[in-house]
Amino acid sequence: MIQKTGILLLISTVAFSQDKGQFETYSNPFYETIVTESNQYDKGEKEEYKSFKMNFDGKKIPQSLEEFTIIEFTDPISQGNTGTCWCFSTTSFYESEIKRITGKNINLSELYPVYFEYIEKARGYVHSRGKTYLGEGSETNAVQRMMEMYGIVPNEVYEGKPSEQPFYNHEKMFKEIDTYLKSCKKTNYWNEDAILSNIKSILNHYMGTPPTKFRYNGRTYTPKGFMRYVTRLNPNHYVDFMSLLEKPYWSQQEYKVPDNWWRSDAYYNVPLDEFMNIIKTSIQNGYSMSIGGDVSESGYSSTHDVAMVPSYDIPSEFIDEHARQFRFSNGTTTDDHAIHLIGYKIDDNGEWWFLIKDSGSGSRNGNFPGYYFYHEDYVKLKMMTFTIHKDAVKETLKKTNK
């Protein structure tokens, strides 16, 4: 008993010896060294990135817009920080079409079709269970598709952004849409009505709610009524062309690129000579077109307002359907931009130049903000598709139908 008591006394004495805490300034000197030296490295001089570009010294390129025979058009508008060149270029094209058909000057809303394209992308994403491509881009014929489904409105009734916001910016909006739809895929949630309702909420927050009725020149219209009775546009009167060896010529085919997310196979595939002949004869006859392709080449310069094919890439006489298909197949020709072809000139050497109206930021860096001068070789090698009125291509359509 005596021994056990002694042990208990010893344990009791140890238990009452308690540790104490105190406040002190947090310090991690080595982490501070990491941050300091990393910041010094980031701020330090680094080798400047330089892209390899064509030298235009001595090149005879157009020097003014006045050199061109031009289709009537509206002033260039910046698409801001959005991937909506497909709609800006094609809306501009339809504005020129309204002028050609009716003589009216009408400024259409570029963002109205964009709003509904996002709705249809979300619907397609649900129907395919997340297998369709999800991005900001689309094709020029998406505009006529949205017009047929939802009509069109003047810009004055739907700007598609807060009035105080200086430029269009879809960065945050698309991130929300992308995150939401991918979360639906991850959880296998496919309630179409609920998903589209949520997509509309996102769009309404960033772009505003599009009108179902509006007043224009003293009368009330729906978007479809405005398209039919005021603009006189008929979406069924517009056709699309491409020129690729991978598909049979003189037939309608699918243009297989990610932004053709709904897999439209309405493109008339024609030989390259026919493709270029349509472009040249149509612009001469007063028809403009919305045209799309690649703008990432060495001979593409925003500071010189010009697009050319350098001889060190491929000499002019070697540009043919094989060179065109080769670049498309290996991915060096991409489907990355759409523009509005509004004019032409033939220089002293008999070479064609096309006047391009462009909504992209690059077109604002030269002497002619909103415009480019495209050499015919660039169009022949790098422009993949275009949308045009069917009356401009009657003879070609006859050949295709046969």
Protein backbone atom coordinates (compact mmCIF):
# COMPACT_ATOMS: atom_id res chain seq x y z
CA MET A 1 0.00 0.00 0.00
CA ILE A 2 2.86 2.39 0.87
CA GLN A 3 4.58 1.78 -2.49
CA LYS A 4 1.41 2.34 -4.51
CA THR A 5 0.72 5.59 -2.64
CA GLY A 6 4.18 6.84 -3.53
CA ILE A 7 3.59 6.22 -7.20
CA LEU A 8 0.29 8.07 -7.10
CA LEU A 9 1.93 11.05 -5.46
CA LEU A 10 4.56 11.18 -8.20
CA ILE A 11 1.96 11.12 -11.02
CA SER A 12 -0.05 13.79 -9.30
CA THR A 13 2.98 16.09 -9.10
CA VAL A 14 3.71 15.71 -12.87
CA ALA A 15 0.11 16.37 -13.90
CA PHE A 16 0.10 19.84 -12.38
CA SER A 17 3.14 20.96 -14.41
CA GLN A 18 1.24 22.75 -17.34
CA ASP A 19 2.61 24.30 -20.56
CA LYS A 20 1.83 27.92 -21.47
CA GLY A 21 1.25 29.65 -24.83
CA GLN A 22 2.13 33.14 -26.09
CA PHE A 23 1.45 35.46 -29.07
CA GLU A 24 4.25 36.11 -31.51
CA THR A 25 4.61 37.54 -35.02
CA TYR A 26 4.47 34.84 -37.70
CA SER A 27 7.72 34.50 -39.56
CA ASN A 28 8.92 32.24 -42.40
CA PRO A 29 12.19 33.82 -43.54
CA PHE A 30 12.90 31.20 -46.21
CA TYR A 31 9.44 31.57 -47.80
CA GLU A 32 10.00 35.33 -47.86
CA THR A 33 13.26 34.65 -49.69
CA ILE A 34 11.40 32.49 -52.22
CA VAL A 35 8.81 35.24 -52.86
CA THR A 36 11.36 38.04 -53.05
CA GLU A 37 13.70 36.28 -55.44
CA SER A 38 10.79 35.02 -57.59
CA ASN A 39 9.45 38.56 -57.91
CA GLN A 40 12.88 39.84 -58.83
CA TYR A 41 13.11 37.16 -61.51
CA ASP A 42 9.65 38.02 -62.88
CA LYS A 43 10.53 41.72 -63.04
CA GLY A 44 13.93 41.08 -64.54
CA GLU A 45 14.72 41.54 -68.19
CA LYS A 46 13.79 38.58 -70.35
CA GLU A 47 14.29 37.90 -73.99
CA GLU A 48 11.46 39.55 -75.91
CA TYR A 49 9.19 37.17 -77.81
CA LYS A 50 9.32 37.79 -81.52
CA SER A 51 7.11 36.22 -84.18
CA PHE A 52 8.44 35.61 -87.67
CA LYS A 53 6.71 38.01 -90.05
CA MET A 54 6.98 38.97 -93.68
CA ASN A 55 9.00 42.08 -94.57
CA PHE A 56 6.76 44.34 -96.64
CA ASP A 57 9.47 46.79 -97.74
CA GLY A 58 9.18 47.45 -101.44
CA LYS A 59 5.84 45.65 -101.75
CA LYS A 60 3.18 47.45 -103.77
CA ILE A 61 0.11 47.20 -101.59
CA PRO A 62 -3.02 49.39 -101.60
CA GLN A 63 -2.61 52.72 -99.86
CA SER A 64 -6.23 53.84 -99.40
CA LEU A 65 -9.83 52.66 -99.33
CA GLU A 66 -10.59 54.91 -102.30
CA GLU A 67 -8.64 52.59 -104.59
CA PHE A 68 -11.36 49.96 -104.22
CA THR A 69 -14.75 49.47 -105.82
CA ILE A 70 -16.86 49.02 -102.69
CA ILE A 71 -20.27 47.56 -101.86
CA GLU A 72 -22.30 49.79 -99.54
CA PHE A 73 -21.71 48.84 -95.92
CA THR A 74 -22.02 50.09 -92.35
CA ASP A 75 -19.05 51.32 -90.32
CA PRO A 76 -16.79 48.71 -88.67
CA ILE A 77 -17.67 47.73 -85.10
CA SER A 78 -15.31 46.07 -82.63
CA GLN A 79 -16.34 42.66 -81.30
CA GLY A 80 -14.37 43.44 -78.12
CA ASN A 81 -13.21 40.52 -76.01
CA THR A 82 -15.55 37.92 -77.52
CA GLY A 83 -15.27 35.00 -79.92
CA THR A 84 -18.14 36.27 -82.07
CA CYS A 85 -16.44 37.29 -85.32
CA TRP A 86 -18.77 34.84 -87.09
CA CYS A 87 -21.77 36.99 -86.12
CA PHE A 88 -20.20 40.43 -86.49
CA SER A 89 -18.97 39.66 -90.01
CA THR A 90 -22.23 38.05 -91.12
CA THR A 91 -24.45 40.70 -89.53
CA SER A 92 -22.42 43.29 -91.43
CA PHE A 93 -22.98 41.22 -94.58
CA TYR A 94 -26.75 41.19 -93.99
CA GLU A 95 -26.74 44.96 -93.42
CA SER A 96 -25.20 45.32 -96.89
CA GLU A 97 -27.80 42.92 -98.23
CA ILE A 98 -30.61 45.03 -96.77
CA LYS A 99 -29.15 48.07 -98.52
CA ARG A 100 -28.84 46.16 -101.80
CA ILE A 101 -32.37 44.73 -101.62
CA THR A 102 -34.35 47.62 -100.11
CA GLY A 103 -32.09 50.68 -100.20
CA LYS A 104 -32.49 51.04 -96.42
CA ASN A 105 -29.67 51.72 -93.98
CA ILE A 106 -30.39 49.54 -90.96
CA ASN A 107 -27.94 48.81 -88.15
CA LEU A 108 -28.72 45.29 -86.94
CA SER A 109 -27.98 43.86 -83.51
CA GLU A 110 -24.88 41.67 -83.70
CA LEU A 111 -25.53 40.19 -80.26
CA TYR A 112 -29.14 39.11 -80.76
CA PRO A 113 -28.14 36.04 -82.82
CA VAL A 114 -25.28 35.40 -80.38
CA TYR A 115 -27.72 35.18 -77.46
CA PHE A 116 -29.77 32.50 -79.17
CA GLU A 117 -26.74 30.67 -80.52
CA TYR A 118 -25.74 30.09 -76.88
CA ILE A 119 -29.25 28.80 -76.16
CA GLU A 120 -29.01 26.37 -79.07
CA LYS A 121 -25.49 25.32 -78.10
CA ALA A 122 -26.75 24.48 -74.62
CA ARG A 123 -29.69 22.59 -76.12
CA GLY A 124 -27.34 20.66 -78.42
CA TYR A 125 -25.06 19.92 -75.47
CA VAL A 126 -27.99 18.43 -73.57
CA HIS A 127 -29.22 16.37 -76.54
CA SER A 128 -25.72 14.97 -77.20
CA ARG A 129 -25.10 14.40 -73.50
CA GLY A 130 -22.11 16.70 -73.54
CA LYS A 131 -20.51 15.49 -76.76
CA THR A 132 -20.94 18.63 -78.90
CA TYR A 133 -18.14 21.18 -78.99
CA LEU A 134 -18.59 24.02 -76.53
CA GLY A 135 -16.93 27.33 -77.40
CA GLU A 136 -17.57 30.99 -78.23
CA GLY A 137 -17.09 30.49 -81.95
CA SER A 138 -19.48 29.39 -84.68
CA GLU A 139 -19.81 29.61 -88.46
CA THR A 140 -21.17 32.33 -90.73
CA ASN A 141 -24.25 30.26 -91.60
CA ALA A 142 -25.17 30.11 -87.91
CA VAL A 143 -26.57 33.63 -88.29
CA GLN A 144 -29.06 32.65 -90.99
CA ARG A 145 -29.97 29.63 -88.85
CA MET A 146 -30.70 31.87 -85.84
CA MET A 147 -32.56 34.35 -88.05
CA GLU A 148 -34.83 31.61 -89.33
CA MET A 149 -35.52 30.41 -85.78
CA TYR A 150 -35.66 33.73 -83.89
CA GLY A 151 -35.74 36.60 -86.38
CA ILE A 152 -33.53 39.68 -86.11
CA VAL A 153 -33.71 43.08 -84.39
CA PRO A 154 -32.17 46.52 -84.86
CA ASN A 155 -29.20 47.39 -82.68
CA GLU A 156 -31.09 50.22 -81.04
CA VAL A 157 -33.41 47.78 -79.23
CA TYR A 158 -30.78 45.21 -78.24
CA GLU A 159 -27.15 46.22 -77.81
CA GLY A 160 -26.27 43.01 -75.99
CA LYS A 161 -24.25 44.60 -73.18
CA PRO A 162 -24.64 47.17 -70.38
CA SER A 163 -24.76 50.61 -71.98
CA GLU A 164 -21.93 51.91 -69.79
CA GLN A 165 -19.62 48.99 -70.64
CA PRO A 166 -17.12 50.26 -73.25
CA PHE A 167 -16.49 46.98 -75.12
CA TYR A 168 -18.20 43.63 -75.48
CA ASN A 169 -16.63 41.14 -73.08
CA HIS A 170 -17.78 37.52 -72.79
CA GLU A 171 -14.88 36.15 -70.79
CA LYS A 172 -16.71 35.80 -67.48
CA MET A 173 -20.01 34.92 -69.12
CA PHE A 174 -18.60 32.06 -71.17
CA LYS A 175 -16.65 30.75 -68.18
CA GLU A 176 -19.90 30.52 -66.21
CA ILE A 177 -21.72 28.80 -69.07
CA ASP A 178 -18.85 26.39 -69.64
CA THR A 179 -18.49 25.54 -65.95
CA TYR A 180 -22.23 25.03 -65.49
CA LEU A 181 -22.74 22.78 -68.51
CA LYS A 182 -19.68 20.68 -67.74
CA SER A 183 -20.93 20.23 -64.17
CA CYS A 184 -24.23 18.96 -65.63
CA LYS A 185 -22.27 16.45 -67.68
CA LYS A 186 -20.21 15.37 -64.67
CA THR A 187 -23.31 14.74 -62.56
CA ASN A 188 -25.30 13.30 -65.48
CA TYR A 189 -28.00 15.95 -65.02
CA TRP A 190 -29.90 16.49 -68.26
CA ASN A 191 -33.15 18.34 -67.42
CA GLU A 192 -33.37 20.44 -70.58
CA ASP A 193 -35.92 22.99 -69.33
CA ALA A 194 -34.03 23.63 -66.09
CA ILE A 195 -30.65 23.84 -67.84
CA LEU A 196 -31.87 26.26 -70.53
CA SER A 197 -33.53 28.37 -67.85
CA ASN A 198 -30.22 28.67 -66.02
CA ILE A 199 -28.33 29.46 -69.25
CA LYS A 200 -30.83 32.24 -69.98
CA SER A 201 -30.27 33.66 -66.50
CA ILE A 202 -26.53 33.86 -67.18
CA LEU A 203 -27.06 35.43 -70.60
CA ASN A 204 -29.63 37.92 -69.28
CA HIS A 205 -27.22 39.00 -66.55
CA TYR A 206 -24.34 39.74 -68.91
CA MET A 207 -26.10 40.59 -72.17
CA GLY A 208 -29.58 41.69 -71.19
CA THR A 209 -32.91 40.11 -72.06
CA PRO A 210 -33.69 40.24 -75.79
CA PRO A 211 -37.04 41.78 -76.78
CA THR A 212 -40.00 39.75 -77.98
CA LYS A 213 -41.71 42.91 -79.32
CA PHE A 214 -40.41 46.42 -79.95
CA ARG A 215 -41.25 49.75 -81.57
CA TYR A 216 -39.48 50.73 -84.77
CA ASN A 217 -40.35 53.80 -86.86
CA GLY A 218 -43.67 54.13 -85.08
CA ARG A 219 -44.80 50.53 -85.48
CA THR A 220 -44.62 47.44 -83.27
CA TYR A 221 -42.79 44.38 -84.55
CA THR A 222 -41.75 40.94 -83.41
CA PRO A 223 -38.19 39.93 -84.40
CA LYS A 224 -39.52 37.69 -87.18
CA GLY A 225 -41.94 40.37 -88.38
CA PHE A 226 -39.12 42.93 -88.47
CA MET A 227 -36.97 40.57 -90.52
CA ARG A 228 -39.76 39.84 -92.99
CA TYR A 229 -41.46 43.21 -93.42
CA VAL A 230 -38.67 45.73 -92.74
CA THR A 231 -35.37 44.11 -93.72
CA ARG A 232 -36.90 41.86 -96.42
CA LEU A 233 -34.26 39.26 -95.62
CA ASN A 234 -35.10 35.64 -96.32
CA PRO A 235 -32.63 33.24 -94.65
CA ASN A 236 -33.47 30.59 -97.26
CA HIS A 237 -31.99 32.80 -99.98
CA TYR A 238 -28.43 32.41 -98.67
CA VAL A 239 -26.02 29.60 -99.46
CA ASP A 240 -22.58 28.50 -98.26
CA PHE A 241 -19.50 27.38 -100.15
CA MET A 242 -16.23 25.63 -99.41
CA SER A 243 -13.42 24.11 -101.47
CA LEU A 244 -11.65 21.04 -100.10
CA LEU A 245 -10.24 18.00 -101.87
CA GLU A 246 -11.29 15.73 -99.02
CA LYS A 247 -14.92 15.89 -100.15
CA PRO A 248 -16.49 15.24 -103.59
CA TYR A 249 -16.80 18.41 -105.65
CA TRP A 250 -20.19 19.64 -106.86
CA SER A 251 -21.98 18.27 -103.81
CA GLN A 252 -23.17 19.54 -100.44
CA GLN A 253 -20.91 18.46 -97.59
CA GLU A 254 -20.16 18.97 -93.92
CA TYR A 255 -17.44 21.47 -93.07
CA LYS A 256 -15.59 19.48 -90.40
CA VAL A 257 -14.27 21.99 -87.89
CA PRO A 258 -15.08 22.35 -84.16
CA ASP A 259 -17.09 25.58 -84.54
CA ASN A 260 -19.50 23.81 -86.91
CA TRP A 261 -20.77 22.21 -83.71
CA TRP A 262 -24.20 21.32 -85.14
CA ARG A 263 -22.48 19.60 -88.08
CA SER A 264 -24.05 21.57 -90.91
CA ASP A 265 -23.65 19.76 -94.22
CA ALA A 266 -25.14 22.58 -96.30
CA TYR A 267 -21.80 23.68 -97.82
CA TYR A 268 -21.49 23.44 -101.59
CA ASN A 269 -18.03 21.99 -102.20
CA VAL A 270 -16.60 23.30 -105.46
CA PRO A 271 -13.17 23.20 -107.15
CA LEU A 272 -10.79 25.97 -106.12
CA ASP A 273 -10.95 27.76 -109.49
CA GLU A 274 -14.75 27.88 -109.18
CA PHE A 275 -14.45 29.05 -105.55
CA MET A 276 -12.26 31.99 -106.60
CA ASN A 277 -14.33 32.74 -109.68
CA ILE A 278 -17.47 33.06 -107.56
CA ILE A 279 -15.75 35.51 -105.23
CA LYS A 280 -14.41 37.68 -108.05
CA THR A 281 -17.50 37.76 -110.24
CA SER A 282 -19.86 38.24 -107.30
CA ILE A 283 -18.06 41.26 -105.88
CA GLN A 284 -17.85 42.73 -109.38
CA ASN A 285 -21.61 42.26 -109.74
CA GLY A 286 -22.44 44.01 -106.48
CA TYR A 287 -22.64 41.06 -104.07
CA SER A 288 -20.56 41.05 -100.89
CA MET A 289 -20.03 37.96 -98.74
CA SER A 290 -19.17 36.84 -95.22
CA ILE A 291 -16.00 34.78 -95.51
CA GLY A 292 -13.97 32.77 -93.01
CA GLY A 293 -10.63 31.06 -92.65
CA ASP A 294 -7.13 31.44 -91.21
CA VAL A 295 -5.47 34.72 -90.16
CA SER A 296 -2.37 33.41 -88.38
CA GLU A 297 0.14 33.50 -91.23
CA SER A 298 3.53 35.19 -91.58
CA GLY A 299 2.16 37.45 -94.32
CA TYR A 300 -0.72 38.69 -92.17
CA SER A 301 0.09 42.09 -90.66
CA SER A 302 -2.23 44.21 -88.54
CA THR A 303 0.17 47.16 -88.65
CA HIS A 304 0.33 47.12 -92.45
CA ASP A 305 -3.41 46.35 -92.88
CA VAL A 306 -2.48 43.57 -95.30
CA ALA A 307 -2.68 39.82 -95.85
CA MET A 308 -0.33 38.21 -98.39
CA VAL A 309 1.30 34.84 -99.01
CA PRO A 310 5.12 35.21 -98.92
CA SER A 311 7.12 33.44 -101.62
CA TYR A 312 9.14 31.71 -98.88
CA ASP A 313 5.89 30.05 -97.81
CA ILE A 314 4.68 29.04 -101.27
CA PRO A 315 5.13 30.84 -104.61
CA SER A 316 1.94 32.13 -106.18
CA GLU A 317 2.05 29.73 -109.14
CA PHE A 318 2.06 26.72 -106.79
CA ILE A 319 -1.07 27.65 -104.84
CA ASP A 320 -3.63 25.05 -105.85
CA GLU A 321 -6.21 22.73 -104.29
CA HIS A 322 -3.46 20.38 -103.09
CA ALA A 323 -1.56 23.11 -101.26
CA ARG A 324 -4.84 24.27 -99.76
CA GLN A 325 -5.90 20.79 -98.61
CA PHE A 326 -2.41 20.01 -97.28
CA ARG A 327 -2.55 22.97 -94.91
CA PHE A 328 -6.08 22.22 -93.80
CA SER A 329 -5.25 18.57 -93.15
CA ASN A 330 -2.11 19.24 -91.13
CA GLY A 331 -3.75 21.97 -89.08
CA THR A 332 -1.71 24.96 -90.30
CA THR A 333 -4.87 26.33 -91.91
CA THR A 334 -7.43 26.71 -89.17
CA ASP A 335 -10.96 28.02 -88.93
CA ASP A 336 -10.21 30.94 -86.66
CA HIS A 337 -11.76 34.14 -88.04
CA ALA A 338 -14.63 35.48 -90.16
CA ILE A 339 -14.71 38.80 -92.00
CA HIS A 340 -16.86 40.74 -94.47
CA LEU A 341 -15.52 41.04 -98.03
CA ILE A 342 -16.85 44.37 -99.29
CA GLY A 343 -14.70 45.53 -102.21
CA TYR A 344 -12.03 44.83 -104.80
CA LYS A 345 -9.36 46.37 -107.01
CA ILE A 346 -7.21 44.98 -109.83
CA ASP A 347 -3.69 46.41 -109.78
CA ASP A 348 -1.39 47.27 -112.69
CA ASN A 349 -0.10 43.69 -112.77
CA GLY A 350 -3.62 42.29 -113.11
CA GLU A 351 -3.59 40.97 -109.54
CA TRP A 352 -6.69 41.17 -107.37
CA TRP A 353 -6.94 42.81 -103.96
CA PHE A 354 -9.99 42.54 -101.73
CA LEU A 355 -11.15 45.11 -99.20
CA ILE A 356 -12.05 43.43 -95.93
CA LYS A 357 -14.17 44.81 -93.11
CA ASP A 358 -13.01 43.22 -89.84
CA SER A 359 -14.43 43.31 -86.29
CA GLY A 360 -11.28 41.83 -84.69
CA SER A 361 -8.91 43.81 -82.49
CA GLY A 362 -5.99 43.31 -84.89
CA SER A 363 -7.70 45.41 -87.54
CA ARG A 364 -7.47 48.45 -85.24
CA ASN A 365 -3.68 48.63 -85.16
CA GLY A 366 -2.91 49.98 -88.63
CA ASN A 367 -3.65 53.07 -90.69
CA PHE A 368 -7.18 51.95 -91.59
CA PRO A 369 -8.95 50.85 -88.38
CA GLY A 370 -11.49 48.12 -89.09
CA TYR A 371 -10.11 47.20 -92.52
CA TYR A 372 -7.61 44.90 -94.24
CA PHE A 373 -6.32 44.54 -97.78
CA TYR A 374 -6.26 40.85 -98.76
CA HIS A 375 -4.25 39.74 -101.79
CA GLU A 376 -6.05 37.17 -103.94
CA ASP A 377 -3.39 34.54 -103.15
CA TYR A 378 -4.22 34.79 -99.46
CA VAL A 379 -7.90 34.18 -100.12
CA LYS A 380 -7.07 31.32 -102.47
CA LEU A 381 -4.83 29.55 -99.95
CA LYS A 382 -6.29 30.43 -96.55
CA MET A 383 -9.98 31.37 -96.77
CA MET A 384 -12.12 28.26 -96.39
CA THR A 385 -15.83 29.16 -96.64
CA PHE A 386 -18.23 31.98 -97.44
CA THR A 387 -21.94 32.85 -97.22
CA ILE A 388 -23.57 34.63 -100.16
CA HIS A 389 -26.96 35.34 -101.76
CA LYS A 390 -28.10 32.57 -104.10
CA ASP A 391 -28.70 35.01 -106.96
CA ALA A 392 -24.96 35.63 -107.16
CA VAL A 393 -24.26 31.95 -107.83
CA LYS A 394 -27.11 30.79 -110.07
CA GLU A 395 -24.86 29.13 -112.65
CA THR A 396 -22.79 27.36 -110.00
CA LEU A 397 -25.90 26.03 -108.29
CA LYS A 398 -27.10 24.64 -111.63
CA LYS A 399 -23.88 22.65 -111.95
CA THR A 400 -24.17 21.42 -108.37
CA ASN A 401 -27.77 20.33 -108.76
CA LYS A 402 -26.83 18.31 -111.84
